[in-house]
């Protein structure tokens, strides 16, 4: 079945374009005159500053000829190249085909180099200045929007320098994250815990890294944590990389570690999505990114 919507927009573009060319031809033809351009007796009857008159002279021939040449060029271009809706042009040229060709040529040219990078162990590749320059550009293009140009992240976007990985920091785990993406889901607990329960659990989680604000809530909060939260975060609250559940004892927080931020996480829940990059980056580029992340992570936190 034909797509009438696409056909409509194609004609919507093509018809005004053709009519515009025809209108321009009629316009300059109508304003052309056989009178000699030196004949300046006919005026429009408008006078300024006593003797400044508006003449009705024919357009200069050179100007008319340039206009005709421009119109002819435009018509020929629209016949040869795309410009009239879905009409592909007599030459069959397209920007996408040219782009694909250039990408293929570039990939063929760089394939041996990328293959060499792919076969180099991560630790060695991290020490290769040229490789890391390439990896840095790949990171800037694909990752910096969320994780920052310095890879230090932001609220809701992990810091990639502290070596605290929600899904594990091993080479295989990071490659899985990059290839397949991640979908994190922490449910809201306000209905289950109630306001008092949220206060208690928040206080317990807060006390894992700092002095509690309300010590009387810590013990009851711990009991509720063991019942409600340990399935994901573990009895010791050190997290579970298999689930992407964060370690709550290292004072590294994705959404903020203040008491208010912890309460907000329990009340509203948290849902984070990292897209998959397997359709945008090849194995060599993924390998380079892992090496780059290894090169910038803080060795003190490893």
C-alpha atoms as a PDB file:
ATOM      1  CA  UNK A   1       0.000   0.000   0.000  1.00  0.00           C
ATOM      2  CA  UNK A   2       1.498   3.366  -0.980  1.00  0.00           C
ATOM      3  CA  UNK A   3       2.488   5.782   1.722  1.00  0.00           C
ATOM      4  CA  UNK A   4       0.236   8.733   0.860  1.00  0.00           C
ATOM      5  CA  UNK A   5       1.685  10.830   3.662  1.00  0.00           C
ATOM      6  CA  UNK A   6       5.207  10.579   2.207  1.00  0.00           C
ATOM      7  CA  UNK A   7       3.884  11.221  -1.314  1.00  0.00           C
ATOM      8  CA  UNK A   8       2.053  14.323  -0.111  1.00  0.00           C
ATOM      9  CA  UNK A   9       5.176  15.859   1.388  1.00  0.00           C
ATOM     10  CA  UNK A  10       7.183  14.926  -1.687  1.00  0.00           C
ATOM     11  CA  UNK A  11       4.766  16.780  -3.944  1.00  0.00           C
ATOM     12  CA  UNK A  12       4.539  19.566  -1.358  1.00  0.00           C
ATOM     13  CA  UNK A  13       8.259  20.173  -1.899  1.00  0.00           C
ATOM     14  CA  UNK A  14       8.472  19.477  -5.629  1.00  0.00           C
ATOM     15  CA  UNK A  15       5.521  21.513  -6.941  1.00  0.00           C
ATOM     16  CA  UNK A  16       6.393  24.853  -5.248  1.00  0.00           C
ATOM     17  CA  UNK A  17      10.028  24.408  -6.327  1.00  0.00           C
ATOM     18  CA  UNK A  18       9.123  23.974 -10.006  1.00  0.00           C
ATOM     19  CA  UNK A  19       6.523  26.736  -9.872  1.00  0.00           C
ATOM     20  CA  UNK A  20       9.090  29.010  -8.274  1.00  0.00           C
ATOM     21  CA  UNK A  21      11.472  28.523 -11.205  1.00  0.00           C
ATOM     22  CA  UNK A  22       8.668  29.125 -13.716  1.00  0.00           C
ATOM     23  CA  UNK A  23       7.559  32.239 -11.847  1.00  0.00           C
ATOM     24  CA  UNK A  24      11.102  33.648 -11.908  1.00  0.00           C
ATOM     25  CA  UNK A  25      11.329  33.106 -15.685  1.00  0.00           C
ATOM     26  CA  UNK A  26       7.965  34.851 -16.236  1.00  0.00           C
ATOM     27  CA  UNK A  27       8.946  37.667 -13.900  1.00  0.00           C
ATOM     28  CA  UNK A  28      12.187  38.564 -15.652  1.00  0.00           C
ATOM     29  CA  UNK A  29      10.593  38.120 -19.084  1.00  0.00           C
ATOM     30  CA  UNK A  30       7.784  40.499 -18.102  1.00  0.00           C
ATOM     31  CA  UNK A  31      10.292  43.070 -16.883  1.00  0.00           C
ATOM     32  CA  UNK A  32      12.421  42.826 -19.995  1.00  0.00           C
ATOM     33  CA  UNK A  33      12.015  45.521 -22.670  1.00  0.00           C
ATOM     34  CA  UNK A  34      13.154  46.028 -26.234  1.00  0.00           C
ATOM     35  CA  UNK A  35      13.775  49.670 -25.523  1.00  0.00           C
ATOM     36  CA  UNK A  36      17.405  50.756 -25.530  1.00  0.00           C
ATOM     37  CA  UNK A  37      18.743  51.158 -22.048  1.00  0.00           C
ATOM     38  CA  UNK A  38      20.023  54.644 -22.927  1.00  0.00           C
ATOM     39  CA  UNK A  39      16.454  55.825 -23.434  1.00  0.00           C
ATOM     40  CA  UNK A  40      15.630  57.501 -20.125  1.00  0.00           C
ATOM     41  CA  UNK A  41      12.628  59.634 -21.011  1.00  0.00           C
ATOM     42  CA  UNK A  42       9.952  57.512 -19.297  1.00  0.00           C
ATOM     43  CA  UNK A  43       9.664  58.181 -15.592  1.00  0.00           C
ATOM     44  CA  UNK A  44       7.413  56.862 -12.835  1.00  0.00           C
ATOM     45  CA  UNK A  45       6.338  60.383 -11.859  1.00  0.00           C
ATOM     46  CA  UNK A  46       8.142  60.318  -8.525  1.00  0.00           C
ATOM     47  CA  UNK A  47      10.443  63.246  -7.739  1.00  0.00           C
ATOM     48  CA  UNK A  48      12.631  63.844  -4.701  1.00  0.00           C
ATOM     49  CA  UNK A  49      14.751  66.844  -3.788  1.00  0.00           C
ATOM     50  CA  UNK A  50      13.288  68.829  -6.741  1.00  0.00           C
ATOM     51  CA  UNK A  51      15.190  67.039  -9.543  1.00  0.00           C
ATOM     52  CA  UNK A  52      15.741  63.426  -8.427  1.00  0.00           C
ATOM     53  CA  UNK A  53      13.363  61.326 -10.562  1.00  0.00           C
ATOM     54  CA  UNK A  54      12.538  57.630 -10.679  1.00  0.00           C
ATOM     55  CA  UNK A  55      12.960  56.269 -14.227  1.00  0.00           C
ATOM     56  CA  UNK A  56      11.330  53.206 -15.711  1.00  0.00           C
ATOM     57  CA  UNK A  57      14.406  51.824 -17.465  1.00  0.00           C
ATOM     58  CA  UNK A  58      14.783  48.267 -18.776  1.00  0.00           C
ATOM     59  CA  UNK A  59      16.927  45.915 -16.762  1.00  0.00           C
ATOM     60  CA  UNK A  60      20.566  45.676 -17.901  1.00  0.00           C
ATOM     61  CA  UNK A  61      21.138  42.839 -20.369  1.00  0.00           C
ATOM     62  CA  UNK A  62      24.097  41.470 -18.397  1.00  0.00           C
ATOM     63  CA  UNK A  63      21.919  41.277 -15.275  1.00  0.00           C
ATOM     64  CA  UNK A  64      19.134  39.509 -17.149  1.00  0.00           C
ATOM     65  CA  UNK A  65      21.560  37.047 -18.697  1.00  0.00           C
ATOM     66  CA  UNK A  66      23.079  36.214 -15.291  1.00  0.00           C
ATOM     67  CA  UNK A  67      19.587  35.640 -13.911  1.00  0.00           C
ATOM     68  CA  UNK A  68      18.716  33.332 -16.841  1.00  0.00           C
ATOM     69  CA  UNK A  69      21.980  31.419 -16.340  1.00  0.00           C
ATOM     70  CA  UNK A  70      21.178  31.008 -12.641  1.00  0.00           C
ATOM     71  CA  UNK A  71      17.720  29.651 -13.416  1.00  0.00           C
ATOM     72  CA  UNK A  72      19.079  27.252 -16.027  1.00  0.00           C
ATOM     73  CA  UNK A  73      21.723  26.049 -13.581  1.00  0.00           C
ATOM     74  CA  UNK A  74      19.025  25.480 -10.941  1.00  0.00           C
ATOM     75  CA  UNK A  75      16.830  23.527 -13.349  1.00  0.00           C
ATOM     76  CA  UNK A  76      19.728  21.327 -14.494  1.00  0.00           C
ATOM     77  CA  UNK A  77      20.774  20.721 -10.885  1.00  0.00           C
ATOM     78  CA  UNK A  78      17.253  19.588  -9.931  1.00  0.00           C
ATOM     79  CA  UNK A  79      17.233  17.149 -12.856  1.00  0.00           C
ATOM     80  CA  UNK A  80      20.625  15.654 -11.965  1.00  0.00           C
ATOM     81  CA  UNK A  81      20.547  15.730  -8.142  1.00  0.00           C
ATOM     82  CA  UNK A  82      17.935  15.263  -5.369  1.00  0.00           C
ATOM     83  CA  UNK A  83      15.843  18.350  -4.720  1.00  0.00           C
ATOM     84  CA  UNK A  84      12.321  17.585  -5.886  1.00  0.00           C
ATOM     85  CA  UNK A  85      10.809  15.610  -3.044  1.00  0.00           C
ATOM     86  CA  UNK A  86      11.602  11.916  -3.322  1.00  0.00           C
ATOM     87  CA  UNK A  87      13.010  12.218  -6.856  1.00  0.00           C
ATOM     88  CA  UNK A  88      16.568  10.881  -6.558  1.00  0.00           C
ATOM     89  CA  UNK A  89      17.986  12.747  -9.565  1.00  0.00           C
ATOM     90  CA  UNK A  90      19.213  11.398 -12.874  1.00  0.00           C
ATOM     91  CA  UNK A  91      22.702  10.699 -11.460  1.00  0.00           C
ATOM     92  CA  UNK A  92      21.373   8.750  -8.480  1.00  0.00           C
ATOM     93  CA  UNK A  93      23.609  10.701  -6.082  1.00  0.00           C
ATOM     94  CA  UNK A  94      22.738  10.946  -2.390  1.00  0.00           C
ATOM     95  CA  UNK A  95      24.479  12.332   0.654  1.00  0.00           C
ATOM     96  CA  UNK A  96      23.870   9.062   2.513  1.00  0.00           C
ATOM     97  CA  UNK A  97      25.518   7.002  -0.233  1.00  0.00           C
ATOM     98  CA  UNK A  98      28.484   9.348  -0.256  1.00  0.00           C
ATOM     99  CA  UNK A  99      28.722   9.209   3.531  1.00  0.00           C
ATOM    100  CA  UNK A 100      28.544   5.403   3.536  1.00  0.00           C
ATOM    101  CA  UNK A 101      31.242   5.254   0.876  1.00  0.00           C
ATOM    102  CA  UNK A 102      33.552   7.558   2.848  1.00  0.00           C
ATOM    103  CA  UNK A 103      32.935   5.568   6.033  1.00  0.00           C
ATOM    104  CA  UNK A 104      33.744   2.331   4.214  1.00  0.00           C
ATOM    105  CA  UNK A 105      36.931   3.828   2.820  1.00  0.00           C
ATOM    106  CA  UNK A 106      37.939   5.107   6.250  1.00  0.00           C
ATOM    107  CA  UNK A 107      37.211   1.758   7.890  1.00  0.00           C
ATOM    108  CA  UNK A 108      39.259  -0.059   5.257  1.00  0.00           C
ATOM    109  CA  UNK A 109      42.120   2.376   5.765  1.00  0.00           C
ATOM    110  CA  UNK A 110      42.112   2.181   9.575  1.00  0.00           C
ATOM    111  CA  UNK A 111      41.159  -1.499   9.877  1.00  0.00           C
ATOM    112  CA  UNK A 112      44.738  -2.782  10.331  1.00  0.00           C
ATOM    113  CA  UNK A 113      45.450  -0.224  13.050  1.00  0.00           C
ATOM    114  CA  UNK A 114      42.205  -0.936  14.913  1.00  0.00           C
ATOM    115  CA  UNK A 115      42.853  -4.663  14.642  1.00  0.00           C
ATOM    116  CA  UNK A 116      46.264  -4.158  16.212  1.00  0.00           C
ATOM    117  CA  UNK A 117      44.631  -2.201  19.056  1.00  0.00           C
ATOM    118  CA  UNK A 118      42.062  -4.976  19.540  1.00  0.00           C
ATOM    119  CA  UNK A 119      44.794  -7.583  19.885  1.00  0.00           C
ATOM    120  CA  UNK A 120      46.716  -5.538  22.474  1.00  0.00           C
ATOM    121  CA  UNK A 121      45.999  -6.273  26.161  1.00  0.00           C
ATOM    122  CA  UNK A 122      44.189  -3.512  28.041  1.00  0.00           C
ATOM    123  CA  UNK A 123      47.089  -2.733  30.385  1.00  0.00           C
ATOM    124  CA  UNK A 124      49.519  -2.284  27.492  1.00  0.00           C
ATOM    125  CA  UNK A 125      47.032  -0.362  25.390  1.00  0.00           C
ATOM    126  CA  UNK A 126      46.452   2.079  28.263  1.00  0.00           C
ATOM    127  CA  UNK A 127      50.120   3.079  28.003  1.00  0.00           C
ATOM    128  CA  UNK A 128      49.972   3.732  24.244  1.00  0.00           C
ATOM    129  CA  UNK A 129      49.747   7.505  23.751  1.00  0.00           C
ATOM    130  CA  UNK A 130      48.488   7.337  20.162  1.00  0.00           C
ATOM    131  CA  UNK A 131      45.860   4.764  21.049  1.00  0.00           C
ATOM    132  CA  UNK A 132      44.668   6.790  24.027  1.00  0.00           C
ATOM    133  CA  UNK A 133      44.425   9.890  21.828  1.00  0.00           C
ATOM    134  CA  UNK A 134      42.060   7.967  19.559  1.00  0.00           C
ATOM    135  CA  UNK A 135      40.175   6.578  22.556  1.00  0.00           C
ATOM    136  CA  UNK A 136      39.806  10.067  24.023  1.00  0.00           C
ATOM    137  CA  UNK A 137      38.151  11.269  20.825  1.00  0.00           C
ATOM    138  CA  UNK A 138      35.812   8.264  20.825  1.00  0.00           C
ATOM    139  CA  UNK A 139      34.923   9.042  24.436  1.00  0.00           C
ATOM    140  CA  UNK A 140      34.320  12.737  23.718  1.00  0.00           C
ATOM    141  CA  UNK A 141      31.999  11.890  20.842  1.00  0.00           C
ATOM    142  CA  UNK A 142      29.962   9.162  22.523  1.00  0.00           C
ATOM    143  CA  UNK A 143      30.272   9.432  26.308  1.00  0.00           C
ATOM    144  CA  UNK A 144      31.096  12.992  27.376  1.00  0.00           C
ATOM    145  CA  UNK A 145      27.511  14.246  27.091  1.00  0.00           C
ATOM    146  CA  UNK A 146      26.479  12.176  30.122  1.00  0.00           C
ATOM    147  CA  UNK A 147      29.704  11.468  31.995  1.00  0.00           C
ATOM    148  CA  UNK A 148      31.374  14.831  31.364  1.00  0.00           C
ATOM    149  CA  UNK A 149      34.450  15.754  29.377  1.00  0.00           C
ATOM    150  CA  UNK A 150      36.589  14.841  32.409  1.00  0.00           C
ATOM    151  CA  UNK A 151      34.665  11.569  32.995  1.00  0.00           C
ATOM    152  CA  UNK A 152      33.793  12.635  36.530  1.00  0.00           C
ATOM    153  CA  UNK A 153      30.072  12.257  35.938  1.00  0.00           C
ATOM    154  CA  UNK A 154      27.216  14.227  37.472  1.00  0.00           C
ATOM    155  CA  UNK A 155      24.148  13.529  39.562  1.00  0.00           C
ATOM    156  CA  UNK A 156      22.653  10.354  38.121  1.00  0.00           C
ATOM    157  CA  UNK A 157      25.663   9.713  35.864  1.00  0.00           C
ATOM    158  CA  UNK A 158      28.544   7.671  37.331  1.00  0.00           C
ATOM    159  CA  UNK A 159      32.019   9.013  37.891  1.00  0.00           C
ATOM    160  CA  UNK A 160      34.253   6.856  35.697  1.00  0.00           C
ATOM    161  CA  UNK A 161      37.481   7.849  37.452  1.00  0.00           C
ATOM    162  CA  UNK A 162      36.849   6.513  40.963  1.00  0.00           C
ATOM    163  CA  UNK A 163      36.821   2.833  39.946  1.00  0.00           C
ATOM    164  CA  UNK A 164      33.583   2.238  41.831  1.00  0.00           C
ATOM    165  CA  UNK A 165      31.555   0.274  39.303  1.00  0.00           C
ATOM    166  CA  UNK A 166      27.881  -0.552  39.758  1.00  0.00           C
ATOM    167  CA  UNK A 167      28.101  -3.561  37.442  1.00  0.00           C
ATOM    168  CA  UNK A 168      31.738  -4.474  38.031  1.00  0.00           C
ATOM    169  CA  UNK A 169      34.952  -2.892  36.803  1.00  0.00           C
ATOM    170  CA  UNK A 170      36.482  -5.910  35.133  1.00  0.00           C
ATOM    171  CA  UNK A 171      37.245  -5.702  31.426  1.00  0.00           C
ATOM    172  CA  UNK A 172      34.446  -8.112  30.502  1.00  0.00           C
ATOM    173  CA  UNK A 173      31.891  -6.294  32.678  1.00  0.00           C
ATOM    174  CA  UNK A 174      32.709  -2.885  31.198  1.00  0.00           C
ATOM    175  CA  UNK A 175      32.528  -4.269  27.662  1.00  0.00           C
ATOM    176  CA  UNK A 176      29.128  -5.770  28.460  1.00  0.00           C
ATOM    177  CA  UNK A 177      27.973  -2.405  29.774  1.00  0.00           C
ATOM    178  CA  UNK A 178      29.153  -0.611  26.654  1.00  0.00           C
ATOM    179  CA  UNK A 179      27.794  -3.184  24.229  1.00  0.00           C
ATOM    180  CA  UNK A 180      24.431  -3.937  25.810  1.00  0.00           C
ATOM    181  CA  UNK A 181      23.694  -0.863  27.899  1.00  0.00           C
ATOM    182  CA  UNK A 182      22.216  -0.970  31.397  1.00  0.00           C
ATOM    183  CA  UNK A 183      18.765  -0.431  32.883  1.00  0.00           C
ATOM    184  CA  UNK A 184      18.790   0.255  36.596  1.00  0.00           C
ATOM    185  CA  UNK A 185      15.569   0.101  38.587  1.00  0.00           C
ATOM    186  CA  UNK A 186      15.133   0.838  42.267  1.00  0.00           C
ATOM    187  CA  UNK A 187      11.469   0.865  43.322  1.00  0.00           C
ATOM    188  CA  UNK A 188       9.839   3.422  45.557  1.00  0.00           C
ATOM    189  CA  UNK A 189       9.613   2.248  49.172  1.00  0.00           C
ATOM    190  CA  UNK A 190       7.314   4.882  50.643  1.00  0.00           C
ATOM    191  CA  UNK A 191       4.226   2.661  50.373  1.00  0.00           C
ATOM    192  CA  UNK A 192       5.947  -0.282  52.054  1.00  0.00           C
ATOM    193  CA  UNK A 193       7.951   1.560  54.698  1.00  0.00           C
ATOM    194  CA  UNK A 194       5.803   4.580  55.362  1.00  0.00           C
ATOM    195  CA  UNK A 195       7.240   7.951  56.295  1.00  0.00           C
ATOM    196  CA  UNK A 196       8.686   6.773  59.596  1.00  0.00           C
ATOM    197  CA  UNK A 197      10.235   3.704  57.980  1.00  0.00           C
ATOM    198  CA  UNK A 198      11.830   5.855  55.294  1.00  0.00           C
ATOM    199  CA  UNK A 199      13.329   8.084  57.979  1.00  0.00           C
ATOM    200  CA  UNK A 200      14.682   5.063  59.842  1.00  0.00           C
ATOM    201  CA  UNK A 201      16.226   3.311  56.851  1.00  0.00           C
ATOM    202  CA  UNK A 202      17.662   6.602  55.553  1.00  0.00           C
ATOM    203  CA  UNK A 203      19.275   7.225  58.908  1.00  0.00           C
ATOM    204  CA  UNK A 204      20.800   3.734  58.967  1.00  0.00           C
ATOM    205  CA  UNK A 205      22.196   4.060  55.427  1.00  0.00           C
ATOM    206  CA  UNK A 206      23.533   7.515  56.278  1.00  0.00           C
ATOM    207  CA  UNK A 207      25.220   6.106  59.418  1.00  0.00           C
ATOM    208  CA  UNK A 208      27.206   3.606  57.344  1.00  0.00           C
ATOM    209  CA  UNK A 209      29.622   6.353  56.324  1.00  0.00           C
ATOM    210  CA  UNK A 210      29.013   9.229  58.767  1.00  0.00           C
ATOM    211  CA  UNK A 211      27.737  10.109  62.205  1.00  0.00           C
ATOM    212  CA  UNK A 212      23.943   9.722  62.182  1.00  0.00           C
ATOM    213  CA  UNK A 213      21.757  12.787  62.594  1.00  0.00           C
ATOM    214  CA  UNK A 214      19.101  10.901  64.570  1.00  0.00           C
ATOM    215  CA  UNK A 215      20.873   7.968  66.302  1.00  0.00           C
ATOM    216  CA  UNK A 216      17.596   6.633  67.734  1.00  0.00           C
ATOM    217  CA  UNK A 217      16.532   5.625  64.202  1.00  0.00           C
ATOM    218  CA  UNK A 218      19.659   3.637  63.330  1.00  0.00           C
ATOM    219  CA  UNK A 219      18.851   0.292  64.946  1.00  0.00           C
ATOM    220  CA  UNK A 220      15.257   0.122  63.749  1.00  0.00           C
ATOM    221  CA  UNK A 221      16.431   1.298  60.336  1.00  0.00           C
ATOM    222  CA  UNK A 222      18.993  -1.497  60.229  1.00  0.00           C
ATOM    223  CA  UNK A 223      16.310  -4.087  60.934  1.00  0.00           C
ATOM    224  CA  UNK A 224      14.115  -2.760  58.138  1.00  0.00           C
ATOM    225  CA  UNK A 225      17.113  -2.604  55.837  1.00  0.00           C
ATOM    226  CA  UNK A 226      17.909  -6.259  56.494  1.00  0.00           C
ATOM    227  CA  UNK A 227      14.314  -7.154  55.682  1.00  0.00           C
ATOM    228  CA  UNK A 228      13.626  -4.904  52.697  1.00  0.00           C
ATOM    229  CA  UNK A 229      16.933  -3.858  51.148  1.00  0.00           C
ATOM    230  CA  UNK A 230      19.467  -6.614  51.755  1.00  0.00           C
ATOM    231  CA  UNK A 231      18.163  -8.709  48.867  1.00  0.00           C
ATOM    232  CA  UNK A 232      19.766  -6.226  46.463  1.00  0.00           C
ATOM    233  CA  UNK A 233      22.366  -4.365  48.497  1.00  0.00           C
ATOM    234  CA  UNK A 234      23.519  -7.308  50.618  1.00  0.00           C
ATOM    235  CA  UNK A 235      23.429  -7.900  54.359  1.00  0.00           C
ATOM    236  CA  UNK A 236      26.619  -5.881  54.671  1.00  0.00           C
ATOM    237  CA  UNK A 237      25.248  -3.134  52.350  1.00  0.00           C
ATOM    238  CA  UNK A 238      28.229  -3.524  50.034  1.00  0.00           C
ATOM    239  CA  UNK A 239      26.059  -3.891  46.956  1.00  0.00           C
ATOM    240  CA  UNK A 240      25.695  -6.467  44.225  1.00  0.00           C
ATOM    241  CA  UNK A 241      27.324  -5.881  40.806  1.00  0.00           C
ATOM    242  CA  UNK A 242      25.129  -8.566  39.235  1.00  0.00           C
ATOM    243  CA  UNK A 243      22.106  -6.337  39.902  1.00  0.00           C
ATOM    244  CA  UNK A 244      23.826  -2.985  39.633  1.00  0.00           C
ATOM    245  CA  UNK A 245      22.973  -2.358  43.302  1.00  0.00           C
ATOM    246  CA  UNK A 246      25.475   0.190  44.681  1.00  0.00           C
ATOM    247  CA  UNK A 247      27.789  -0.255  47.623  1.00  0.00           C
ATOM    248  CA  UNK A 248      26.330   1.921  50.394  1.00  0.00           C
ATOM    249  CA  UNK A 249      29.451   1.844  52.585  1.00  0.00           C
ATOM    250  CA  UNK A 250      32.049   3.532  50.346  1.00  0.00           C
ATOM    251  CA  UNK A 251      30.584   7.065  50.518  1.00  0.00           C
ATOM    252  CA  UNK A 252      30.331   7.215  46.708  1.00  0.00           C
ATOM    253  CA  UNK A 253      26.847   8.293  45.700  1.00  0.00           C
ATOM    254  CA  UNK A 254      25.235   8.399  42.293  1.00  0.00           C
ATOM    255  CA  UNK A 255      22.344  10.663  43.335  1.00  0.00           C
ATOM    256  CA  UNK A 256      23.920  12.349  46.337  1.00  0.00           C
ATOM    257  CA  UNK A 257      24.731  11.069  49.823  1.00  0.00           C
ATOM    258  CA  UNK A 258      23.021  13.667  51.971  1.00  0.00           C
ATOM    259  CA  UNK A 259      20.255  12.477  54.276  1.00  0.00           C
ATOM    260  CA  UNK A 260      17.732  14.296  52.103  1.00  0.00           C
ATOM    261  CA  UNK A 261      19.024  12.659  48.910  1.00  0.00           C
ATOM    262  CA  UNK A 262      18.873   9.198  50.493  1.00  0.00           C
ATOM    263  CA  UNK A 263      15.287   9.824  51.577  1.00  0.00           C
ATOM    264  CA  UNK A 264      14.409  10.985  48.082  1.00  0.00           C
ATOM    265  CA  UNK A 265      15.831   7.776  46.619  1.00  0.00           C
ATOM    266  CA  UNK A 266      13.686   5.698  48.975  1.00  0.00           C
ATOM    267  CA  UNK A 267      10.544   7.758  48.401  1.00  0.00           C
ATOM    268  CA  UNK A 268      10.729   8.136  44.619  1.00  0.00           C
ATOM    269  CA  UNK A 269      12.925   5.239  43.579  1.00  0.00           C
ATOM    270  CA  UNK A 270      15.643   5.560  40.942  1.00  0.00           C
ATOM    271  CA  UNK A 271      15.581   4.514  37.292  1.00  0.00           C
ATOM    272  CA  UNK A 272      18.697   4.991  35.192  1.00  0.00           C
ATOM    273  CA  UNK A 273      19.237   3.983  31.588  1.00  0.00           C
ATOM    274  CA  UNK A 274      22.498   3.745  29.716  1.00  0.00           C
ATOM    275  CA  UNK A 275      22.035   3.061  25.981  1.00  0.00           C
ATOM    276  CA  UNK A 276      23.765   0.222  24.180  1.00  0.00           C
ATOM    277  CA  UNK A 277      26.628   1.204  21.892  1.00  0.00           C
ATOM    278  CA  UNK A 278      27.101  -2.044  19.995  1.00  0.00           C
ATOM    279  CA  UNK A 279      25.402  -0.536  16.920  1.00  0.00           C
ATOM    280  CA  UNK A 280      27.553   2.600  17.003  1.00  0.00           C
ATOM    281  CA  UNK A 281      30.966   1.288  18.018  1.00  0.00           C
ATOM    282  CA  UNK A 282      32.847  -1.762  16.791  1.00  0.00           C
ATOM    283  CA  UNK A 283      34.798  -4.199  18.966  1.00  0.00           C
ATOM    284  CA  UNK A 284      38.054  -2.302  18.504  1.00  0.00           C
ATOM    285  CA  UNK A 285      36.510   0.987  19.595  1.00  0.00           C
ATOM    286  CA  UNK A 286      34.899  -0.651  22.624  1.00  0.00           C
ATOM    287  CA  UNK A 287      38.292  -2.159  23.493  1.00  0.00           C
ATOM    288  CA  UNK A 288      39.906   1.272  23.190  1.00  0.00           C
ATOM    289  CA  UNK A 289      37.277   2.818  25.468  1.00  0.00           C
ATOM    290  CA  UNK A 290      37.890   0.194  28.144  1.00  0.00           C
ATOM    291  CA  UNK A 291      41.618   0.886  27.939  1.00  0.00           C
ATOM    292  CA  UNK A 292      40.950   4.635  28.170  1.00  0.00           C
ATOM    293  CA  UNK A 293      38.789   4.199  31.272  1.00  0.00           C
ATOM    294  CA  UNK A 294      41.531   2.057  32.767  1.00  0.00           C
ATOM    295  CA  UNK A 295      44.092   4.789  32.054  1.00  0.00           C
ATOM    296  CA  UNK A 296      42.118   7.568  33.778  1.00  0.00           C
ATOM    297  CA  UNK A 297      40.816   5.688  36.817  1.00  0.00           C
ATOM    298  CA  UNK A 298      42.381   6.692  40.098  1.00  0.00           C
ATOM    299  CA  UNK A 299      44.830   3.938  41.161  1.00  0.00           C
ATOM    300  CA  UNK A 300      44.218   4.844  44.819  1.00  0.00           C
ATOM    301  CA  UNK A 301      40.638   3.646  44.479  1.00  0.00           C
ATOM    302  CA  UNK A 302      41.419   0.385  42.697  1.00  0.00           C
END
